[in-house]
Amino acid sequence: MSFTVNIYYTGTNGNARKFAEEMQASGLADQIRAEEGNLRYDYFLPMNDSETVLLIDGWESEEALDFHHKSPMMKRIAALREKYRLQMRVQKFIEINQK
């Protein structure tokens, strides 16, 4: 059962966008995309909120996401969130295959 996690990063002074740009430039985003079980890892900018960035993060299973959360890169991501003083709001959507 795959699922998608939407994470809204919100800050001030353009910090959410700076965070996403640093995630891209540092290679962290590509490392996450290359992890086993990752289906999608993409940032988007909401048209009506210049201080928020939306991350759409898809995974094949809870186990794959748990492995990601235990990886050393999570400390780097947490440090970047702290650097940019971001707040997070998380939504999870589970895909249900109906046959």
Protein backbone atom coordinates (compact mmCIF):
# COMPACT_ATOMS: atom_id res chain seq x y z
CA MET A 1 0.00 0.00 0.00
CA SER A 2 1.70 3.21 -1.13
CA PHE A 3 1.07 6.64 0.32
CA THR A 4 1.86 10.30 -0.11
CA VAL A 5 2.91 12.76 2.56
CA ASN A 6 2.37 16.48 1.98
CA ILE A 7 4.61 18.63 4.14
CA TYR A 8 4.02 22.37 4.27
CA TYR A 9 7.15 24.23 5.37
CA THR A 10 6.39 27.77 6.50
CA GLY A 11 8.81 30.50 7.56
CA THR A 12 9.49 34.19 7.12
CA ASN A 13 11.66 36.29 4.82
CA GLY A 14 11.64 33.65 2.09
CA ASN A 15 13.21 31.02 4.35
CA ALA A 16 10.95 28.17 3.21
CA ARG A 17 12.06 28.69 -0.38
CA LYS A 18 15.73 29.01 0.72
CA PHE A 19 15.36 25.70 2.57
CA ALA A 20 14.00 23.93 -0.53
CA GLU A 21 16.72 25.48 -2.69
CA GLU A 22 19.41 24.28 -0.28
CA MET A 23 17.86 20.80 -0.17
CA GLN A 24 18.18 20.72 -3.97
CA ALA A 25 21.64 22.32 -4.22
CA SER A 26 23.15 20.15 -1.47
CA GLY A 27 22.03 16.94 -3.16
CA LEU A 28 19.88 15.86 -0.21
CA ALA A 29 16.71 15.86 -2.30
CA ASP A 30 18.35 13.63 -4.92
CA GLN A 31 19.62 11.29 -2.20
CA ILE A 32 16.08 10.89 -0.90
CA ARG A 33 14.74 10.30 -4.41
CA ALA A 34 17.32 7.52 -4.80
CA GLU A 35 16.30 5.75 -1.58
CA GLU A 36 14.64 2.39 -1.96
CA GLY A 37 10.89 2.79 -1.75
CA ASN A 38 10.75 6.49 -2.60
CA LEU A 39 8.22 7.21 -5.32
CA ARG A 40 8.30 11.00 -5.37
CA TYR A 41 10.07 13.90 -3.69
CA ASP A 42 9.12 17.28 -5.20
CA TYR A 43 8.84 20.83 -3.90
CA PHE A 44 6.12 23.27 -5.00
CA LEU A 45 5.43 26.95 -4.32
CA PRO A 46 1.83 27.83 -3.46
CA MET A 47 0.57 30.75 -5.56
CA ASN A 48 -1.21 32.42 -2.62
CA ASP A 49 1.48 32.04 0.10
CA SER A 50 5.02 33.19 -0.63
CA GLU A 51 6.25 32.05 2.81
CA THR A 52 5.31 28.38 2.35
CA VAL A 53 6.79 25.54 0.32
CA LEU A 54 4.90 22.28 -0.24
CA LEU A 55 6.83 19.01 -0.36
CA ILE A 56 5.02 16.07 -1.96
CA ASP A 57 6.76 12.93 -0.75
CA GLY A 58 5.60 9.48 -1.93
CA TRP A 59 6.62 6.07 -0.54
CA GLU A 60 5.92 2.45 -1.42
CA SER A 61 5.49 1.40 2.22
CA GLU A 62 5.68 2.45 5.86
CA GLU A 63 8.85 0.36 6.17
CA ALA A 64 10.57 2.40 3.45
CA LEU A 65 9.60 5.66 5.15
CA ASP A 66 10.70 4.32 8.56
CA PHE A 67 14.09 3.41 7.07
CA HIS A 68 14.34 6.95 5.64
CA HIS A 69 13.47 8.50 9.01
CA LYS A 70 16.27 6.47 10.67
CA SER A 71 18.86 7.46 8.07
CA PRO A 72 21.72 9.88 8.85
CA MET A 73 20.36 12.40 6.36
CA MET A 74 17.41 13.11 8.68
CA LYS A 75 19.79 14.94 11.03
CA ARG A 76 20.93 17.10 8.12
CA ILE A 77 17.34 17.85 7.14
CA ALA A 78 16.42 18.71 10.74
CA ALA A 79 19.44 21.02 10.96
CA LEU A 80 18.34 22.82 7.79
CA ARG A 81 14.78 23.21 9.13
CA GLU A 82 16.24 24.70 12.29
CA LYS A 83 18.63 26.94 10.32
CA TYR A 84 15.68 28.44 8.44
CA ARG A 85 13.36 28.40 11.48
CA LEU A 86 10.59 26.58 9.69
CA GLN A 87 7.32 25.25 10.98
CA MET A 88 5.78 22.13 9.46
CA ARG A 89 2.26 20.93 8.80
CA VAL A 90 1.92 17.32 7.61
CA GLN A 91 -0.87 15.50 5.77
CA LYS A 92 -0.78 11.81 4.86
CA PHE A 93 -2.79 10.22 2.05
CA ILE A 94 -2.99 6.45 1.71
CA GLU A 95 -3.62 4.88 -1.67
CA ILE A 96 -6.17 2.12 -1.51
CA ASN A 97 -6.16 -0.23 -4.47
CA GLN A 98 -9.66 -1.38 -5.23
CA LYS A 99 -10.15 -4.36 -7.51
